Amino acid sequence: MSKKLSSSALMTLLAVLALSLLAGCYGYYGGGGVGLEVGGPPPGLRAEVAITSPGPGYYWVPGYWDWNVGSAEWLWVPGAWTRPPHARAVWVAPRYARHRGHWRYERGRWR
């Protein structure tokens, strides 16, 4: 049984593809999940001071550069104390790596 895309679904798909191309990035499957291939490396890390934990069960997630597809630029996400989604969760820091002349970025996530 074959299904056809409606014209609005097709237009949405084409718009997403066009935005990805204009933003200078596209998705790929990395070691830990889906990542983005972006135009260049992120700026250097910023110095941060982690204040005292707000209480037991909180974990400090350090600041990192995140790729903003809409503006096609790196944006700084400041570090923050946060509660993991479950007791055994581990924070996996974002990864930035050069691969065959391009830069790849995988967002940070709880695993």
PDB file of N, CA and C in Angstrom:
ATOM      1  N   MET A   1       0.841  -1.171   0.000  1.00  0.00           N
ATOM      2  CA  MET A   1       0.000   0.000   0.000  1.00  0.00           C
ATOM      3  C   MET A   1       0.889   1.237   0.000  1.00  0.00           C
ATOM      4  N   SER A   2       0.703   2.083  -0.909  1.00  0.00           N
ATOM      5  CA  SER A   2       1.533   3.274  -1.058  1.00  0.00           C
ATOM      6  C   SER A   2       0.787   4.482  -0.533  1.00  0.00           C
ATOM      7  N   LYS A   3       1.533   5.329   0.218  1.00  0.00           N
ATOM      8  CA  LYS A   3       0.926   6.558   0.731  1.00  0.00           C
ATOM      9  C   LYS A   3       1.616   7.739   0.076  1.00  0.00           C
ATOM     10  N   LYS A   4       0.828   8.740  -0.279  1.00  0.00           N
ATOM     11  CA  LYS A   4       1.380   9.942  -0.884  1.00  0.00           C
ATOM     12  C   LYS A   4       1.445  11.036   0.172  1.00  0.00           C
ATOM     13  N   LEU A   5       2.475  11.878   0.052  1.00  0.00           N
ATOM     14  CA  LEU A   5       2.578  13.036   0.934  1.00  0.00           C
ATOM     15  C   LEU A   5       1.581  14.097   0.480  1.00  0.00           C
ATOM     16  N   SER A   6       0.932  14.717   1.435  1.00  0.00           N
ATOM     17  CA  SER A   6       0.062  15.833   1.074  1.00  0.00           C
ATOM     18  C   SER A   6       0.949  16.993   0.648  1.00  0.00           C
ATOM     19  N   SER A   7       0.383  17.938  -0.052  1.00  0.00           N
ATOM     20  CA  SER A   7       1.184  19.080  -0.517  1.00  0.00           C
ATOM     21  C   SER A   7       1.722  19.881   0.669  1.00  0.00           C
ATOM     22  N   SER A   8       0.973  19.994   1.762  1.00  0.00           N
ATOM     23  CA  SER A   8       1.469  20.740   2.923  1.00  0.00           C
ATOM     24  C   SER A   8       2.607  19.988   3.610  1.00  0.00           C
ATOM     25  N   ALA A   9       2.530  18.670   3.681  1.00  0.00           N
ATOM     26  CA  ALA A   9       3.614  17.878   4.276  1.00  0.00           C
ATOM     27  C   ALA A   9       4.870  17.980   3.416  1.00  0.00           C
ATOM     28  N   LEU A  10       4.697  17.953   2.107  1.00  0.00           N
ATOM     29  CA  LEU A  10       5.826  18.076   1.201  1.00  0.00           C
ATOM     30  C   LEU A  10       6.478  19.454   1.336  1.00  0.00           C
ATOM     31  N   MET A  11       5.673  20.505   1.426  1.00  0.00           N
ATOM     32  CA  MET A  11       6.201  21.860   1.585  1.00  0.00           C
ATOM     33  C   MET A  11       6.953  21.995   2.909  1.00  0.00           C
ATOM     34  N   THR A  12       6.428  21.393   3.964  1.00  0.00           N
ATOM     35  CA  THR A  12       7.104  21.427   5.264  1.00  0.00           C
ATOM     36  C   THR A  12       8.450  20.724   5.185  1.00  0.00           C
ATOM     37  N   LEU A  13       8.471  19.563   4.568  1.00  0.00           N
ATOM     38  CA  LEU A  13       9.714  18.810   4.406  1.00  0.00           C
ATOM     39  C   LEU A  13      10.739  19.614   3.611  1.00  0.00           C
ATOM     40  N   LEU A  14      10.318  20.240   2.535  1.00  0.00           N
ATOM     41  CA  LEU A  14      11.219  21.054   1.731  1.00  0.00           C
ATOM     42  C   LEU A  14      11.724  22.276   2.508  1.00  0.00           C
ATOM     43  N   ALA A  15      10.866  22.879   3.323  1.00  0.00           N
ATOM     44  CA  ALA A  15      11.272  24.033   4.130  1.00  0.00           C
ATOM     45  C   ALA A  15      12.328  23.630   5.158  1.00  0.00           C
ATOM     46  N   VAL A  16      12.149  22.493   5.801  1.00  0.00           N
ATOM     47  CA  VAL A  16      13.132  22.011   6.780  1.00  0.00           C
ATOM     48  C   VAL A  16      14.464  21.738   6.097  1.00  0.00           C
ATOM     49  N   LEU A  17      14.436  21.114   4.956  1.00  0.00           N
ATOM     50  CA  LEU A  17      15.651  20.835   4.201  1.00  0.00           C
ATOM     51  C   LEU A  17      16.340  22.140   3.809  1.00  0.00           C
ATOM     52  N   ALA A  18      15.588  23.102   3.319  1.00  0.00           N
ATOM     53  CA  ALA A  18      16.160  24.387   2.910  1.00  0.00           C
ATOM     54  C   ALA A  18      16.787  25.110   4.096  1.00  0.00           C
ATOM     55  N   LEU A  19      16.114  25.121   5.252  1.00  0.00           N
ATOM     56  CA  LEU A  19      16.670  25.763   6.445  1.00  0.00           C
ATOM     57  C   LEU A  19      17.959  25.092   6.875  1.00  0.00           C
ATOM     58  N   SER A  20      18.015  23.783   6.798  1.00  0.00           N
ATOM     59  CA  SER A  20      19.239  23.065   7.161  1.00  0.00           C
ATOM     60  C   SER A  20      20.384  23.464   6.252  1.00  0.00           C
ATOM     61  N   LEU A  21      20.124  23.567   4.969  1.00  0.00           N
ATOM     62  CA  LEU A  21      21.169  23.950   4.025  1.00  0.00           C
ATOM     63  C   LEU A  21      21.607  25.385   4.234  1.00  0.00           C
ATOM     64  N   LEU A  22      20.650  26.279   4.484  1.00  0.00           N
ATOM     65  CA  LEU A  22      20.982  27.679   4.720  1.00  0.00           C
ATOM     66  C   LEU A  22      21.761  27.852   6.010  1.00  0.00           C
ATOM     67  N   ALA A  23      21.470  27.030   7.004  1.00  0.00           N
ATOM     68  CA  ALA A  23      22.150  27.136   8.293  1.00  0.00           C
ATOM     69  C   ALA A  23      23.543  26.537   8.239  1.00  0.00           C
ATOM     70  N   GLY A  24      23.898  25.904   7.146  1.00  0.00           N
ATOM     71  CA  GLY A  24      25.231  25.348   7.013  1.00  0.00           C
ATOM     72  C   GLY A  24      25.437  24.089   7.831  1.00  0.00           C
ATOM     73  N   CYS A  25      24.404  23.341   8.071  1.00  0.00           N
ATOM     74  CA  CYS A  25      24.552  22.118   8.864  1.00  0.00           C
ATOM     75  C   CYS A  25      23.564  21.076   8.375  1.00  0.00           C
ATOM     76  N   TYR A  26      23.857  19.834   8.715  1.00  0.00           N
ATOM     77  CA  TYR A  26      22.904  18.771   8.471  1.00  0.00           C
ATOM     78  C   TYR A  26      23.129  17.679   9.499  1.00  0.00           C
ATOM     79  N   GLY A  27      22.135  16.836   9.689  1.00  0.00           N
ATOM     80  CA  GLY A  27      22.206  15.824  10.729  1.00  0.00           C
ATOM     81  C   GLY A  27      23.011  14.610  10.323  1.00  0.00           C
ATOM     82  N   TYR A  28      23.518  13.903  11.331  1.00  0.00           N
ATOM     83  CA  TYR A  28      24.186  12.623  11.137  1.00  0.00           C
ATOM     84  C   TYR A  28      23.980  11.817  12.408  1.00  0.00           C
ATOM     85  N   TYR A  29      24.223  10.542  12.334  1.00  0.00           N
ATOM     86  CA  TYR A  29      24.100   9.692  13.505  1.00  0.00           C
ATOM     87  C   TYR A  29      25.474   9.483  14.096  1.00  0.00           C
ATOM     88  N   GLY A  30      25.683  10.024  15.293  1.00  0.00           N
ATOM     89  CA  GLY A  30      26.970   9.899  15.963  1.00  0.00           C
ATOM     90  C   GLY A  30      26.973   8.717  16.905  1.00  0.00           C
ATOM     91  N   GLY A  31      28.040   8.626  17.695  1.00  0.00           N
ATOM     92  CA  GLY A  31      28.183   7.514  18.630  1.00  0.00           C
ATOM     93  C   GLY A  31      27.095   7.481  19.681  1.00  0.00           C
ATOM     94  N   GLY A  32      26.639   8.665  20.124  1.00  0.00           N
ATOM     95  CA  GLY A  32      25.658   8.695  21.193  1.00  0.00           C
ATOM     96  C   GLY A  32      24.284   9.133  20.749  1.00  0.00           C
ATOM     97  N   GLY A  33      24.116   9.404  19.499  1.00  0.00           N
ATOM     98  CA  GLY A  33      22.811   9.860  19.046  1.00  0.00           C
ATOM     99  C   GLY A  33      22.943  10.675  17.788  1.00  0.00           C
ATOM    100  N   VAL A  34      21.989  11.567  17.586  1.00  0.00           N
ATOM    101  CA  VAL A  34      21.983  12.394  16.388  1.00  0.00           C
ATOM    102  C   VAL A  34      22.798  13.642  16.658  1.00  0.00           C
ATOM    103  N   GLY A  35      23.612  14.022  15.676  1.00  0.00           N
ATOM    104  CA  GLY A  35      24.406  15.227  15.794  1.00  0.00           C
ATOM    105  C   GLY A  35      24.200  16.112  14.589  1.00  0.00           C
ATOM    106  N   LEU A  36      24.940  17.200  14.551  1.00  0.00           N
ATOM    107  CA  LEU A  36      24.857  18.147  13.449  1.00  0.00           C
ATOM    108  C   LEU A  36      26.237  18.329  12.847  1.00  0.00           C
ATOM    109  N   GLU A  37      26.297  18.482  11.563  1.00  0.00           N
ATOM    110  CA  GLU A  37      27.530  18.869  10.919  1.00  0.00           C
ATOM    111  C   GLU A  37      27.397  20.358  10.675  1.00  0.00           C
ATOM    112  N   VAL A  38      28.322  21.142  11.260  1.00  0.00           N
ATOM    113  CA  VAL A  38      28.204  22.599  11.253  1.00  0.00           C
ATOM    114  C   VAL A  38      29.392  23.222  10.541  1.00  0.00           C
ATOM    115  N   GLY A  39      29.307  24.527  10.287  1.00  0.00           N
ATOM    116  CA  GLY A  39      30.313  25.209   9.497  1.00  0.00           C
ATOM    117  C   GLY A  39      31.682  25.350  10.128  1.00  0.00           C
ATOM    118  N   GLY A  40      31.781  25.452  11.432  1.00  0.00           N
ATOM    119  CA  GLY A  40      33.073  25.669  12.062  1.00  0.00           C
ATOM    120  C   GLY A  40      33.041  25.298  13.523  1.00  0.00           C
ATOM    121  N   PRO A  41      34.205  25.335  14.177  1.00  0.00           N
ATOM    122  CA  PRO A  41      34.282  24.959  15.585  1.00  0.00           C
ATOM    123  C   PRO A  41      33.638  26.013  16.479  1.00  0.00           C
ATOM    124  N   PRO A  42      33.267  25.633  17.695  1.00  0.00           N
ATOM    125  CA  PRO A  42      32.713  26.620  18.624  1.00  0.00           C
ATOM    126  C   PRO A  42      33.830  27.522  19.149  1.00  0.00           C
ATOM    127  N   PRO A  43      33.464  28.697  19.655  1.00  0.00           N
ATOM    128  CA  PRO A  43      34.466  29.543  20.313  1.00  0.00           C
ATOM    129  C   PRO A  43      35.020  28.815  21.543  1.00  0.00           C
ATOM    130  N   GLY A  44      36.044  29.369  22.155  1.00  0.00           N
ATOM    131  CA  GLY A  44      36.626  28.753  23.358  1.00  0.00           C
ATOM    132  C   GLY A  44      35.660  28.735  24.530  1.00  0.00           C
ATOM    133  N   LEU A  45      35.918  27.849  25.482  1.00  0.00           N
ATOM    134  CA  LEU A  45      35.064  27.752  26.664  1.00  0.00           C
ATOM    135  C   LEU A  45      35.165  29.020  27.496  1.00  0.00           C
ATOM    136  N   ARG A  46      34.143  29.299  28.247  1.00  0.00           N
ATOM    137  CA  ARG A  46      34.115  30.457  29.140  1.00  0.00           C
ATOM    138  C   ARG A  46      34.347  29.984  30.569  1.00  0.00           C
ATOM    139  N   ALA A  47      34.989  30.826  31.336  1.00  0.00           N
ATOM    140  CA  ALA A  47      35.204  30.504  32.756  1.00  0.00           C
ATOM    141  C   ALA A  47      33.891  30.711  33.500  1.00  0.00           C
ATOM    142  N   GLU A  48      33.582  29.769  34.393  1.00  0.00           N
ATOM    143  CA  GLU A  48      32.354  29.871  35.188  1.00  0.00           C
ATOM    144  C   GLU A  48      32.672  29.538  36.634  1.00  0.00           C
ATOM    145  N   VAL A  49      31.849  30.050  37.518  1.00  0.00           N
ATOM    146  CA  VAL A  49      31.965  29.732  38.926  1.00  0.00           C
ATOM    147  C   VAL A  49      30.680  29.021  39.327  1.00  0.00           C
ATOM    148  N   ALA A  50      30.831  27.797  39.853  1.00  0.00           N
ATOM    149  CA  ALA A  50      29.660  27.040  40.313  1.00  0.00           C
ATOM    150  C   ALA A  50      29.432  27.383  41.781  1.00  0.00           C
ATOM    151  N   ILE A  51      28.316  28.013  42.059  1.00  0.00           N
ATOM    152  CA  ILE A  51      27.995  28.322  43.452  1.00  0.00           C
ATOM    153  C   ILE A  51      27.599  27.033  44.165  1.00  0.00           C
ATOM    154  N   THR A  52      27.389  27.109  45.440  1.00  0.00           N
ATOM    155  CA  THR A  52      27.026  25.941  46.239  1.00  0.00           C
ATOM    156  C   THR A  52      25.750  25.298  45.717  1.00  0.00           C
ATOM    157  N   SER A  53      25.732  23.988  45.752  1.00  0.00           N
ATOM    158  CA  SER A  53      24.560  23.227  45.297  1.00  0.00           C
ATOM    159  C   SER A  53      23.316  23.664  46.066  1.00  0.00           C
ATOM    160  N   PRO A  54      22.184  23.748  45.385  1.00  0.00           N
ATOM    161  CA  PRO A  54      20.949  24.138  46.063  1.00  0.00           C
ATOM    162  C   PRO A  54      20.395  23.048  46.979  1.00  0.00           C
ATOM    163  N   GLY A  55      20.946  21.845  46.893  1.00  0.00           N
ATOM    164  CA  GLY A  55      20.461  20.777  47.768  1.00  0.00           C
ATOM    165  C   GLY A  55      20.907  19.413  47.284  1.00  0.00           C
ATOM    166  N   PRO A  56      20.590  18.393  48.064  1.00  0.00           N
ATOM    167  CA  PRO A  56      20.978  17.040  47.668  1.00  0.00           C
ATOM    168  C   PRO A  56      20.270  16.624  46.375  1.00  0.00           C
ATOM    169  N   GLY A  57      20.959  15.834  45.565  1.00  0.00           N
ATOM    170  CA  GLY A  57      20.365  15.330  44.332  1.00  0.00           C
ATOM    171  C   GLY A  57      20.578  16.222  43.135  1.00  0.00           C
ATOM    172  N   TYR A  58      21.241  17.375  43.314  1.00  0.00           N
ATOM    173  CA  TYR A  58      21.502  18.264  42.189  1.00  0.00           C
ATOM    174  C   TYR A  58      22.870  17.956  41.596  1.00  0.00           C
ATOM    175  N   TYR A  59      22.998  18.186  40.291  1.00  0.00           N
ATOM    176  CA  TYR A  59      24.238  17.938  39.565  1.00  0.00           C
ATOM    177  C   TYR A  59      24.577  19.198  38.787  1.00  0.00           C
ATOM    178  N   TRP A  60      25.869  19.593  38.805  1.00  0.00           N
ATOM    179  CA  TRP A  60      26.296  20.772  38.056  1.00  0.00           C
ATOM    180  C   TRP A  60      26.539  20.380  36.602  1.00  0.00           C
ATOM    181  N   VAL A  61      25.787  20.981  35.693  1.00  0.00           N
ATOM    182  CA  VAL A  61      25.993  20.791  34.254  1.00  0.00           C
ATOM    183  C   VAL A  61      26.764  22.025  33.796  1.00  0.00           C
ATOM    184  N   PRO A  62      28.050  21.841  33.425  1.00  0.00           N
ATOM    185  CA  PRO A  62      28.861  22.996  33.024  1.00  0.00           C
ATOM    186  C   PRO A  62      28.324  23.663  31.763  1.00  0.00           C
ATOM    187  N   GLY A  63      28.659  24.939  31.602  1.00  0.00           N
ATOM    188  CA  GLY A  63      28.251  25.672  30.413  1.00  0.00           C
ATOM    189  C   GLY A  63      28.884  25.085  29.160  1.00  0.00           C
ATOM    190  N   TYR A  64      28.241  25.320  28.024  1.00  0.00           N
ATOM    191  CA  TYR A  64      28.738  24.782  26.755  1.00  0.00           C
ATOM    192  C   TYR A  64      28.188  25.609  25.595  1.00  0.00           C
ATOM    193  N   TRP A  65      28.833  25.464  24.437  1.00  0.00           N
ATOM    194  CA  TRP A  65      28.361  26.116  23.220  1.00  0.00           C
ATOM    195  C   TRP A  65      27.360  25.197  22.523  1.00  0.00           C
ATOM    196  N   ASP A  66      26.221  25.755  22.150  1.00  0.00           N
ATOM    197  CA  ASP A  66      25.178  25.004  21.448  1.00  0.00           C
ATOM    198  C   ASP A  66      24.959  25.659  20.088  1.00  0.00           C
ATOM    199  N   TRP A  67      24.758  24.845  19.053  1.00  0.00           N
ATOM    200  CA  TRP A  67      24.527  25.364  17.708  1.00  0.00           C
ATOM    201  C   TRP A  67      23.063  25.743  17.545  1.00  0.00           C
ATOM    202  N   ASN A  68      22.814  26.984  17.168  1.00  0.00           N
ATOM    203  CA  ASN A  68      21.462  27.461  16.926  1.00  0.00           C
ATOM    204  C   ASN A  68      21.211  27.397  15.423  1.00  0.00           C
ATOM    205  N   VAL A  69      20.403  26.440  15.000  1.00  0.00           N
ATOM    206  CA  VAL A  69      20.146  26.229  13.578  1.00  0.00           C
ATOM    207  C   VAL A  69      19.466  27.452  12.958  1.00  0.00           C
ATOM    208  N   GLY A  70      18.544  28.073  13.687  1.00  0.00           N
ATOM    209  CA  GLY A  70      17.812  29.214  13.139  1.00  0.00           C
ATOM    210  C   GLY A  70      18.699  30.392  12.790  1.00  0.00           C
ATOM    211  N   SER A  71      19.691  30.681  13.650  1.00  0.00           N
ATOM    212  CA  SER A  71      20.569  31.824  13.388  1.00  0.00           C
ATOM    213  C   SER A  71      21.918  31.400  12.821  1.00  0.00           C
ATOM    214  N   ALA A  72      22.152  30.084  12.704  1.00  0.00           N
ATOM    215  CA  ALA A  72      23.403  29.529  12.174  1.00  0.00           C
ATOM    216  C   ALA A  72      24.617  30.084  12.906  1.00  0.00           C
ATOM    217  N   GLU A  73      24.539  30.052  14.244  1.00  0.00           N
ATOM    218  CA  GLU A  73      25.667  30.515  15.047  1.00  0.00           C
ATOM    219  C   GLU A  73      25.715  29.776  16.382  1.00  0.00           C
ATOM    220  N   TRP A  74      26.867  29.839  17.011  1.00  0.00           N
ATOM    221  CA  TRP A  74      27.043  29.231  18.324  1.00  0.00           C
ATOM    222  C   TRP A  74      26.483  30.161  19.391  1.00  0.00           C
ATOM    223  N   LEU A  75      25.744  29.591  20.338  1.00  0.00           N
ATOM    224  CA  LEU A  75      25.207  30.348  21.466  1.00  0.00           C
ATOM    225  C   LEU A  75      25.688  29.691  22.758  1.00  0.00           C
ATOM    226  N   TRP A  76      26.093  30.504  23.738  1.00  0.00           N
ATOM    227  CA  TRP A  76      26.570  29.986  25.012  1.00  0.00           C
ATOM    228  C   TRP A  76      25.382  29.622  25.906  1.00  0.00           C
ATOM    229  N   VAL A  77      25.411  28.397  26.444  1.00  0.00           N
ATOM    230  CA  VAL A  77      24.414  27.944  27.421  1.00  0.00           C
ATOM    231  C   VAL A  77      25.136  27.923  28.768  1.00  0.00           C
ATOM    232  N   PRO A  78      24.769  28.813  29.691  1.00  0.00           N
ATOM    233  CA  PRO A  78      25.497  28.869  30.965  1.00  0.00           C
ATOM    234  C   PRO A  78      25.283  27.616  31.809  1.00  0.00           C
ATOM    235  N   GLY A  79      26.284  27.307  32.630  1.00  0.00           N
ATOM    236  CA  GLY A  79      26.178  26.158  33.532  1.00  0.00           C
ATOM    237  C   GLY A  79      25.060  26.366  34.542  1.00  0.00           C
ATOM    238  N   ALA A  80      24.537  25.258  35.054  1.00  0.00           N
ATOM    239  CA  ALA A  80      23.423  25.349  36.012  1.00  0.00           C
ATOM    240  C   ALA A  80      23.350  24.079  36.854  1.00  0.00           C
ATOM    241  N   TRP A  81      22.833  24.233  38.065  1.00  0.00           N
ATOM    242  CA  TRP A  81      22.524  23.075  38.894  1.00  0.00           C
ATOM    243  C   TRP A  81      21.196  22.511  38.418  1.00  0.00           C
ATOM    244  N   THR A  82      21.125  21.224  38.240  1.00  0.00           N
ATOM    245  CA  THR A  82      19.890  20.591  37.769  1.00  0.00           C
ATOM    246  C   THR A  82      19.741  19.211  38.376  1.00  0.00           C
ATOM    247  N   ARG A  83      18.542  18.738  38.430  1.00  0.00           N
ATOM    248  CA  ARG A  83      18.293  17.369  38.903  1.00  0.00           C
ATOM    249  C   ARG A  83      18.260  16.433  37.713  1.00  0.00           C
ATOM    250  N   PRO A  84      18.994  15.325  37.781  1.00  0.00           N
ATOM    251  CA  PRO A  84      18.933  14.349  36.690  1.00  0.00           C
ATOM    252  C   PRO A  84      17.508  13.806  36.543  1.00  0.00           C
ATOM    253  N   PRO A  85      17.162  13.331  35.348  1.00  0.00           N
ATOM    254  CA  PRO A  85      15.805  12.822  35.121  1.00  0.00           C
ATOM    255  C   PRO A  85      15.482  11.554  35.905  1.00  0.00           C
ATOM    256  N   HIS A  86      16.512  10.787  36.298  1.00  0.00           N
ATOM    257  CA  HIS A  86      16.301   9.613  37.148  1.00  0.00           C
ATOM    258  C   HIS A  86      17.584   9.358  37.947  1.00  0.00           C
ATOM    259  N   ALA A  87      17.517   8.534  38.966  1.00  0.00           N
ATOM    260  CA  ALA A  87      18.611   8.347  39.912  1.00  0.00           C
ATOM    261  C   ALA A  87      19.919   7.885  39.276  1.00  0.00           C
ATOM    262  N   ARG A  88      19.878   7.090  38.250  1.00  0.00           N
ATOM    263  CA  ARG A  88      21.105   6.552  37.651  1.00  0.00           C
ATOM    264  C   ARG A  88      21.566   7.307  36.406  1.00  0.00           C
ATOM    265  N   ALA A  89      20.934   8.436  36.121  1.00  0.00           N
ATOM    266  CA  ALA A  89      21.280   9.216  34.926  1.00  0.00           C
ATOM    267  C   ALA A  89      22.694   9.784  35.031  1.00  0.00           C
ATOM    268  N   VAL A  90      23.355   9.844  33.888  1.00  0.00           N
ATOM    269  CA  VAL A  90      24.707  10.397  33.791  1.00  0.00           C
ATOM    270  C   VAL A  90      24.686  11.479  32.714  1.00  0.00           C
ATOM    271  N   TRP A  91      25.290  12.636  33.020  1.00  0.00           N
ATOM    272  CA  TRP A  91      25.360  13.706  32.031  1.00  0.00           C
ATOM    273  C   TRP A  91      26.471  13.402  31.042  1.00  0.00           C
ATOM    274  N   VAL A  92      26.143  13.441  29.759  1.00  0.00           N
ATOM    275  CA  VAL A  92      27.121  13.265  28.690  1.00  0.00           C
ATOM    276  C   VAL A  92      27.323  14.647  28.076  1.00  0.00           C
ATOM    277  N   ALA A  93      28.538  15.171  28.209  1.00  0.00           N
ATOM    278  CA  ALA A  93      28.843  16.521  27.730  1.00  0.00           C
ATOM    279  C   ALA A  93      28.749  16.591  26.204  1.00  0.00           C
ATOM    280  N   PRO A  94      28.478  17.775  25.668  1.00  0.00           N
ATOM    281  CA  PRO A  94      28.462  17.935  24.211  1.00  0.00           C
ATOM    282  C   PRO A  94      29.821  17.564  23.627  1.00  0.00           C
ATOM    283  N   ARG A  95      29.796  17.120  22.370  1.00  0.00           N
ATOM    284  CA  ARG A  95      31.048  16.759  21.697  1.00  0.00           C
ATOM    285  C   ARG A  95      31.186  17.575  20.422  1.00  0.00           C
ATOM    286  N   TYR A  96      32.399  18.068  20.206  1.00  0.00           N
ATOM    287  CA  TYR A  96      32.733  18.824  19.009  1.00  0.00           C
ATOM    288  C   TYR A  96      33.948  18.147  18.399  1.00  0.00           C
ATOM    289  N   ALA A  97      33.897  17.792  17.138  1.00  0.00           N
ATOM    290  CA  ALA A  97      35.032  17.097  16.516  1.00  0.00           C
ATOM    291  C   ALA A  97      35.133  17.430  15.045  1.00  0.00           C
ATOM    292  N   ARG A  98      36.361  17.501  14.560  1.00  0.00           N
ATOM    293  CA  ARG A  98      36.593  17.710  13.128  1.00  0.00           C
ATOM    294  C   ARG A  98      36.532  16.350  12.449  1.00  0.00           C
ATOM    295  N   HIS A  99      35.809  16.282  11.324  1.00  0.00           N
ATOM    296  CA  HIS A  99      35.641  15.018  10.611  1.00  0.00           C
ATOM    297  C   HIS A  99      35.643  15.297   9.115  1.00  0.00           C
ATOM    298  N   ARG A 100      36.674  14.826   8.428  1.00  0.00           N
ATOM    299  CA  ARG A 100      36.773  14.968   6.968  1.00  0.00           C
ATOM    300  C   ARG A 100      36.534  16.406   6.484  1.00  0.00           C
ATOM    301  N   GLY A 101      37.183  17.344   7.142  1.00  0.00           N
ATOM    302  CA  GLY A 101      37.086  18.745   6.721  1.00  0.00           C
ATOM    303  C   GLY A 101      35.874  19.493   7.227  1.00  0.00           C
ATOM    304  N   HIS A 102      35.019  18.850   8.020  1.00  0.00           N
ATOM    305  CA  HIS A 102      33.824  19.494   8.570  1.00  0.00           C
ATOM    306  C   HIS A 102      33.865  19.385  10.095  1.00  0.00           C
ATOM    307  N   TRP A 103      33.044  20.188  10.751  1.00  0.00           N
ATOM    308  CA  TRP A 103      32.913  20.099  12.212  1.00  0.00           C
ATOM    309  C   TRP A 103      31.598  19.415  12.546  1.00  0.00           C
ATOM    310  N   ARG A 104      31.678  18.467  13.461  1.00  0.00           N
ATOM    311  CA  ARG A 104      30.489  17.752  13.927  1.00  0.00           C
ATOM    312  C   ARG A 104      30.226  18.113  15.377  1.00  0.00           C
ATOM    313  N   TYR A 105      28.952  18.179  15.695  1.00  0.00           N
ATOM    314  CA  TYR A 105      28.529  18.559  17.051  1.00  0.00           C
ATOM    315  C   TYR A 105      27.413  17.638  17.495  1.00  0.00           C
ATOM    316  N   GLU A 106      27.580  17.060  18.678  1.00  0.00           N
ATOM    317  CA  GLU A 106      26.512  16.275  19.310  1.00  0.00           C
ATOM    318  C   GLU A 106      26.130  16.991  20.594  1.00  0.00           C
ATOM    319  N   ARG A 107      24.861  17.266  20.743  1.00  0.00           N
ATOM    320  CA  ARG A 107      24.369  17.990  21.929  1.00  0.00           C
ATOM    321  C   ARG A 107      24.575  17.172  23.202  1.00  0.00           C
ATOM    322  N   GLY A 108      24.730  17.887  24.308  1.00  0.00           N
ATOM    323  CA  GLY A 108      24.807  17.234  25.612  1.00  0.00           C
ATOM    324  C   GLY A 108      23.450  16.636  25.950  1.00  0.00           C
ATOM    325  N   ARG A 109      23.493  15.582  26.764  1.00  0.00           N
ATOM    326  CA  ARG A 109      22.224  14.912  27.094  1.00  0.00           C
ATOM    327  C   ARG A 109      22.385  14.066  28.332  1.00  0.00           C
ATOM    328  N   TRP A 110      21.283  13.710  28.934  1.00  0.00           N
ATOM    329  CA  TRP A 110      21.275  12.755  30.044  1.00  0.00           C
ATOM    330  C   TRP A 110      21.154  11.351  29.459  1.00  0.00           C
ATOM    331  N   ARG A 111      21.955  10.456  29.966  1.00  0.00           N
ATOM    332  CA  ARG A 111      21.906   9.063  29.511  1.00  0.00           C
ATOM    333  C   ARG A 111      21.569   8.191  30.697  1.00  0.00           C
TER     334      ARG A 111
END
